[in-house]
C-alpha atoms as a PDB file:
ATOM      1  CA  MET A   1     -58.788  15.372  30.997  1.00  0.00           C
ATOM      2  CA  TYR A   2     -56.276  16.266  33.680  1.00  0.00           C
ATOM      3  CA  ARG A   3     -53.456  18.720  33.344  1.00  0.00           C
ATOM      4  CA  PHE A   4     -50.437  18.598  35.569  1.00  0.00           C
ATOM      5  CA  SER A   5     -48.060  21.417  36.038  1.00  0.00           C
ATOM      6  CA  ILE A   6     -44.828  21.264  37.946  1.00  0.00           C
ATOM      7  CA  LYS A   7     -43.289  24.372  39.284  1.00  0.00           C
ATOM      8  CA  VAL A   8     -39.507  24.411  38.992  1.00  0.00           C
ATOM      9  CA  SER A   9     -37.374  26.967  40.698  1.00  0.00           C
ATOM     10  CA  PRO A  10     -34.804  28.862  38.608  1.00  0.00           C
ATOM     11  CA  MET A  11     -32.004  27.108  40.505  1.00  0.00           C
ATOM     12  CA  GLN A  12     -33.382  23.651  39.641  1.00  0.00           C
ATOM     13  CA  ASP A  13     -33.747  24.736  36.018  1.00  0.00           C
ATOM     14  CA  ARG A  14     -30.090  25.843  35.884  1.00  0.00           C
ATOM     15  CA  LEU A  15     -28.931  22.591  37.469  1.00  0.00           C
ATOM     16  CA  ALA A  16     -30.921  20.524  34.977  1.00  0.00           C
ATOM     17  CA  ARG A  17     -29.428  22.472  32.078  1.00  0.00           C
ATOM     18  CA  ALA A  18     -25.912  22.141  33.506  1.00  0.00           C
ATOM     19  CA  ARG A  19     -26.387  18.378  33.815  1.00  0.00           C
ATOM     20  CA  LEU A  20     -27.604  18.154  30.223  1.00  0.00           C
ATOM     21  CA  ILE A  21     -24.653  20.180  28.956  1.00  0.00           C
ATOM     22  CA  GLY A  22     -22.289  18.002  31.003  1.00  0.00           C
ATOM     23  CA  ILE A  23     -23.743  14.818  29.557  1.00  0.00           C
ATOM     24  CA  TRP A  24     -23.436  16.156  26.014  1.00  0.00           C
ATOM     25  CA  ALA A  25     -19.827  17.245  26.679  1.00  0.00           C
ATOM     26  CA  LEU A  26     -19.026  13.795  28.087  1.00  0.00           C
ATOM     27  CA  LEU A  27     -20.514  12.041  25.049  1.00  0.00           C
ATOM     28  CA  PHE A  28     -18.628  14.357  22.685  1.00  0.00           C
ATOM     29  CA  CYS A  29     -15.310  13.804  24.472  1.00  0.00           C
ATOM     30  CA  CYS A  30     -15.747  10.036  24.585  1.00  0.00           C
ATOM     31  CA  THR A  31     -16.583   9.919  20.884  1.00  0.00           C
ATOM     32  CA  PHE A  32     -13.559  12.085  20.101  1.00  0.00           C
ATOM     33  CA  ALA A  33     -11.253   9.931  22.219  1.00  0.00           C
ATOM     34  CA  LEU A  34     -12.494   6.664  20.724  1.00  0.00           C
ATOM     35  CA  ALA A  35     -12.021   8.042  17.216  1.00  0.00           C
ATOM     36  CA  GLN A  36      -8.407   8.876  18.097  1.00  0.00           C
ATOM     37  CA  ASN A  37      -7.692   5.272  19.129  1.00  0.00           C
ATOM     38  CA  ALA A  38      -9.130   3.649  16.004  1.00  0.00           C
ATOM     39  CA  ALA A  39      -6.448   1.494  14.362  1.00  0.00           C
ATOM     40  CA  PRO A  40      -6.107   1.604  10.582  1.00  0.00           C
ATOM     41  CA  VAL A  41      -6.702  -1.593   8.634  1.00  0.00           C
ATOM     42  CA  VAL A  42      -3.440  -2.840   7.117  1.00  0.00           C
ATOM     43  CA  ASN A  43      -3.084  -5.308   4.271  1.00  0.00           C
ATOM     44  CA  ALA A  44      -0.273  -7.832   4.782  1.00  0.00           C
ATOM     45  CA  ASN A  45       0.873  -7.450   1.144  1.00  0.00           C
ATOM     46  CA  THR A  46       1.510  -3.709   1.330  1.00  0.00           C
ATOM     47  CA  PRO A  47       5.132  -2.585   1.669  1.00  0.00           C
ATOM     48  CA  LEU A  48       6.188  -1.354   5.081  1.00  0.00           C
ATOM     49  CA  ASN A  49       5.765   2.421   5.231  1.00  0.00           C
ATOM     50  CA  VAL A  50       4.622   3.755   8.617  1.00  0.00           C
ATOM     51  CA  ARG A  51       4.444   7.186  10.205  1.00  0.00           C
ATOM     52  CA  ALA A  52       6.975   7.554  12.994  1.00  0.00           C
ATOM     53  CA  THR A  53       8.576  10.064  15.301  1.00  0.00           C
ATOM     54  CA  LEU A  54      12.289   9.715  15.976  1.00  0.00           C
ATOM     55  CA  LEU A  55      12.676  10.247  19.696  1.00  0.00           C
ATOM     56  CA  LEU A  56      16.473   9.973  19.712  1.00  0.00           C
ATOM     57  CA  GLY A  57      19.480   8.180  18.367  1.00  0.00           C
ATOM     58  CA  LEU A  58      20.107   8.761  14.641  1.00  0.00           C
ATOM     59  CA  GLU A  59      23.079  10.755  13.388  1.00  0.00           C
ATOM     60  CA  ASN A  60      22.372  13.920  11.362  1.00  0.00           C
ATOM     61  CA  THR A  61      18.716  13.786  12.408  1.00  0.00           C
ATOM     62  CA  LYS A  62      16.988  16.000  14.950  1.00  0.00           C
ATOM     63  CA  ASN A  63      15.420  14.350  17.972  1.00  0.00           C
ATOM     64  CA  ASN A  64      11.592  14.442  18.111  1.00  0.00           C
ATOM     65  CA  SER A  65      11.300  14.792  14.332  1.00  0.00           C
ATOM     66  CA  SER A  66       8.346  13.317  12.435  1.00  0.00           C
ATOM     67  CA  GLY A  67       8.564  11.333   9.242  1.00  0.00           C
ATOM     68  CA  THR A  68       8.075   7.896   7.725  1.00  0.00           C
ATOM     69  CA  LEU A  69       9.826   4.631   8.487  1.00  0.00           C
ATOM     70  CA  SER A  70      10.193   2.180   5.622  1.00  0.00           C
ATOM     71  CA  ILE A  71      12.290  -0.761   4.504  1.00  0.00           C
ATOM     72  CA  GLN A  72      14.064  -0.267   1.193  1.00  0.00           C
ATOM     73  CA  ASP A  73      16.440  -2.865  -0.226  1.00  0.00           C
ATOM     74  CA  ASN A  74      18.493  -3.985   2.792  1.00  0.00           C
ATOM     75  CA  ALA A  75      18.028  -0.897   4.987  1.00  0.00           C
ATOM     76  CA  LEU A  76      15.548   0.614   7.417  1.00  0.00           C
ATOM     77  CA  VAL A  77      15.046   4.196   6.213  1.00  0.00           C
ATOM     78  CA  PHE A  78      13.710   7.088   8.277  1.00  0.00           C
ATOM     79  CA  ARG A  79      12.652   9.923   5.974  1.00  0.00           C
ATOM     80  CA  GLN A  80      11.937  13.180   7.808  1.00  0.00           C
ATOM     81  CA  SER A  81       9.077  15.452   6.821  1.00  0.00           C
ATOM     82  CA  SER A  82      11.686  18.171   6.269  1.00  0.00           C
ATOM     83  CA  GLY A  83      15.346  17.294   6.239  1.00  0.00           C
ATOM     84  CA  PRO A  84      17.678  14.457   5.305  1.00  0.00           C
ATOM     85  CA  SER A  85      16.850  10.790   5.580  1.00  0.00           C
ATOM     86  CA  ALA A  86      18.797   8.293   7.671  1.00  0.00           C
ATOM     87  CA  LYS A  87      19.507   4.624   7.003  1.00  0.00           C
ATOM     88  CA  ILE A  88      20.260   1.678   9.227  1.00  0.00           C
ATOM     89  CA  GLU A  89      21.514  -1.417   7.412  1.00  0.00           C
ATOM     90  CA  ILE A  90      19.386  -4.412   8.390  1.00  0.00           C
ATOM     91  CA  ASP A  91      22.502  -6.617   8.622  1.00  0.00           C
ATOM     92  CA  SER A  92      23.856  -4.336  11.376  1.00  0.00           C
ATOM     93  CA  VAL A  93      20.722  -4.534  13.560  1.00  0.00           C
ATOM     94  CA  ARG A  94      21.478  -6.637  16.624  1.00  0.00           C
ATOM     95  CA  ASP A  95      18.190  -6.459  18.506  1.00  0.00           C
ATOM     96  CA  VAL A  96      14.692  -4.978  18.281  1.00  0.00           C
ATOM     97  CA  PHE A  97      12.491  -4.086  21.249  1.00  0.00           C
ATOM     98  CA  VAL A  98       8.841  -3.030  21.153  1.00  0.00           C
ATOM     99  CA  GLY A  99       7.188  -1.297  24.106  1.00  0.00           C
ATOM    100  CA  GLY A 100       3.988   0.592  24.820  1.00  0.00           C
ATOM    101  CA  GLU A 101       3.221   4.137  25.868  1.00  0.00           C
ATOM    102  CA  SER A 102       0.120   6.235  26.507  1.00  0.00           C
ATOM    103  CA  LYS A 103      -0.369   9.999  26.132  1.00  0.00           C
ATOM    104  CA  GLN A 104      -3.280  12.194  27.086  1.00  0.00           C
ATOM    105  CA  VAL A 105      -4.880  13.850  24.036  1.00  0.00           C
ATOM    106  CA  GLY A 106      -7.430  16.571  23.519  1.00  0.00           C
ATOM    107  CA  GLY A 107      -5.540  19.609  24.805  1.00  0.00           C
ATOM    108  CA  LEU A 108      -7.473  22.577  26.166  1.00  0.00           C
ATOM    109  CA  PRO A 109     -10.923  21.516  24.838  1.00  0.00           C
ATOM    110  CA  MET A 110     -10.597  18.185  26.645  1.00  0.00           C
ATOM    111  CA  LYS A 111      -9.573  19.924  29.885  1.00  0.00           C
ATOM    112  CA  LEU A 112     -12.557  22.279  29.642  1.00  0.00           C
ATOM    113  CA  GLY A 113     -14.898  19.344  28.976  1.00  0.00           C
ATOM    114  CA  LYS A 114     -13.579  17.526  32.043  1.00  0.00           C
ATOM    115  CA  ALA A 115     -13.999  20.637  34.176  1.00  0.00           C
ATOM    116  CA  ALA A 116     -17.572  21.205  32.946  1.00  0.00           C
ATOM    117  CA  ALA A 117     -18.687  17.622  33.562  1.00  0.00           C
ATOM    118  CA  PRO A 118     -20.779  17.529  36.748  1.00  0.00           C
ATOM    119  CA  TYR A 119     -20.364  15.220  39.728  1.00  0.00           C
ATOM    120  CA  GLY A 120     -16.778  14.180  39.008  1.00  0.00           C
ATOM    121  CA  ALA A 121     -17.553  12.814  35.548  1.00  0.00           C
ATOM    122  CA  GLY A 122     -14.338  14.461  34.349  1.00  0.00           C
ATOM    123  CA  ARG A 123     -12.420  11.543  35.810  1.00  0.00           C
ATOM    124  CA  ALA A 124     -14.356   9.170  33.583  1.00  0.00           C
ATOM    125  CA  VAL A 125     -13.510  11.324  30.553  1.00  0.00           C
ATOM    126  CA  SER A 126      -9.810  11.021  31.464  1.00  0.00           C
ATOM    127  CA  LEU A 127     -10.057   7.255  31.044  1.00  0.00           C
ATOM    128  CA  PHE A 128     -10.935   7.677  27.371  1.00  0.00           C
ATOM    129  CA  ALA A 129      -8.693  10.668  26.643  1.00  0.00           C
ATOM    130  CA  HIS A 130      -5.501   8.704  26.115  1.00  0.00           C
ATOM    131  CA  LYS A 131      -3.889   7.605  22.862  1.00  0.00           C
ATOM    132  CA  LYS A 132      -1.665   4.552  22.867  1.00  0.00           C
ATOM    133  CA  TYR A 133       1.653   4.371  21.035  1.00  0.00           C
ATOM    134  CA  ASP A 134       4.353   1.800  20.392  1.00  0.00           C
ATOM    135  CA  THR A 135       8.007   2.523  21.043  1.00  0.00           C
ATOM    136  CA  LEU A 136      10.469   0.742  18.766  1.00  0.00           C
ATOM    137  CA  THR A 137      14.055   0.541  20.003  1.00  0.00           C
ATOM    138  CA  LEU A 138      16.800  -0.703  17.700  1.00  0.00           C
ATOM    139  CA  GLU A 139      20.289  -1.748  18.764  1.00  0.00           C
ATOM    140  CA  TYR A 140      22.725  -1.732  15.855  1.00  0.00           C
ATOM    141  CA  ALA A 141      26.452  -1.669  15.094  1.00  0.00           C
ATOM    142  CA  ASP A 142      28.171   0.894  12.882  1.00  0.00           C
ATOM    143  CA  ALA A 143      30.907   0.136  10.315  1.00  0.00           C
ATOM    144  CA  SER A 144      33.674   0.341  12.942  1.00  0.00           C
ATOM    145  CA  GLY A 145      31.869  -1.997  15.347  1.00  0.00           C
ATOM    146  CA  GLY A 146      30.507   0.652  17.723  1.00  0.00           C
ATOM    147  CA  ILE A 147      27.124  -0.104  19.266  1.00  0.00           C
ATOM    148  CA  HIS A 148      24.313   2.442  18.850  1.00  0.00           C
ATOM    149  CA  GLY A 149      20.642   2.628  19.722  1.00  0.00           C
ATOM    150  CA  THR A 150      17.688   4.551  18.382  1.00  0.00           C
ATOM    151  CA  VAL A 151      14.112   4.944  19.607  1.00  0.00           C
ATOM    152  CA  PHE A 152      11.030   5.578  17.447  1.00  0.00           C
ATOM    153  CA  GLN A 153       7.448   6.315  18.457  1.00  0.00           C
ATOM    154  CA  LEU A 154       4.859   4.623  16.214  1.00  0.00           C
ATOM    155  CA  ASN A 155       1.089   4.226  16.152  1.00  0.00           C
ATOM    156  CA  LYS A 156      -0.259   1.307  18.163  1.00  0.00           C
ATOM    157  CA  GLY A 157       0.416  -1.978  16.333  1.00  0.00           C
ATOM    158  CA  ASP A 158       3.001  -0.573  13.911  1.00  0.00           C
ATOM    159  CA  GLY A 159       5.928  -1.372  16.224  1.00  0.00           C
ATOM    160  CA  GLU A 160       5.179  -5.086  16.139  1.00  0.00           C
ATOM    161  CA  ARG A 161       4.696  -4.882  12.364  1.00  0.00           C
ATOM    162  CA  VAL A 162       8.161  -3.356  11.882  1.00  0.00           C
ATOM    163  CA  ARG A 163       9.704  -5.890  14.261  1.00  0.00           C
ATOM    164  CA  LYS A 164       8.184  -8.839  12.394  1.00  0.00           C
ATOM    165  CA  GLU A 165       9.340  -7.415   9.061  1.00  0.00           C
ATOM    166  CA  LEU A 166      12.896  -6.969  10.355  1.00  0.00           C
ATOM    167  CA  PHE A 167      12.981 -10.533  11.707  1.00  0.00           C
ATOM    168  CA  ALA A 168      11.619 -11.782   8.371  1.00  0.00           C
ATOM    169  CA  ARG A 169      14.549 -10.041   6.651  1.00  0.00           C
ATOM    170  CA  GLY A 170      17.183 -11.725   8.781  1.00  0.00           C
ATOM    171  CA  VAL A 171      17.542  -9.826  12.038  1.00  0.00           C
ATOM    172  CA  SER A 172      18.230 -12.245  14.862  1.00  0.00           C
ATOM    173  CA  ALA A 173      18.474 -11.509  18.557  1.00  0.00           C
ATOM    174  CA  ALA A 174      22.085 -12.233  19.464  1.00  0.00           C
ATOM    175  CA  ASP A 175      24.466 -11.111  22.159  1.00  0.00           C
ATOM    176  CA  PHE A 176      27.849  -9.445  21.657  1.00  0.00           C
ATOM    177  CA  GLU A 177      29.747 -12.673  20.815  1.00  0.00           C
ATOM    178  CA  GLY A 178      27.181 -13.642  18.190  1.00  0.00           C
ATOM    179  CA  GLN A 179      25.611 -16.392  20.286  1.00  0.00           C
ATOM    180  CA  PRO A 180      21.799 -16.580  20.494  1.00  0.00           C
ATOM    181  CA  LYS A 181      20.350 -14.878  23.558  1.00  0.00           C
ATOM    182  CA  ASN A 182      19.033 -16.921  26.413  1.00  0.00           C
ATOM    183  CA  ASP A 183      16.008 -15.110  27.814  1.00  0.00           C
ATOM    184  CA  THR A 184      15.633 -17.464  30.754  1.00  0.00           C
ATOM    185  CA  VAL A 185      17.054 -16.466  34.105  1.00  0.00           C
ATOM    186  CA  GLU A 186      18.097 -19.043  36.658  1.00  0.00           C
ATOM    187  CA  VAL A 187      17.344 -18.084  40.233  1.00  0.00           C
ATOM    188  CA  THR A 188      18.792 -20.028  43.112  1.00  0.00           C
ATOM    189  CA  HIS A 189      17.966 -19.500  46.779  1.00  0.00           C
ATOM    190  CA  ALA A 190      20.497 -20.260  49.462  1.00  0.00           C
ATOM    191  CA  LYS A 191      19.183 -22.407  52.299  1.00  0.00           C
ATOM    192  CA  GLU A 192      19.777 -21.103  55.815  1.00  0.00           C
END
């Protein structure tokens, strides 16, 4: 029976341990980031009630306030976590836009994990350390005919859900004169 022994210098031992710790940190960060992006399963028959952050645009409501966005009777209602609620009548909504946004998540622990990852693996962690959001922009008219806009930040997929629900309740994309919008643009090139 043969026995092999390998002599490892203390420096090689420290490097091997650092690599192992880096790999574990990378796996932990990736798992954490993927768990943050998991979308909740939504039943189509449930009433619309989504978590939202009002970025700007509603009267008597602070910007960047968190709450819930729901449709009650004939109004879109934003109910703050603490404070008054605001309503937008669905009949006054002129247009709805849904966009996308991405934010880096994880804070200080994520930054430390990226710094500890060996051989530039921190850049790979950055790819998974982002959470995606929807932005919902509403254009609506007040009682005196003034045009207003408001912007909400919603979880990924909720913006399209709210938009579909508003269109199902009678919102139509129309321009100022009430005519349907034409989204096509005609481009002509002058010949020289």
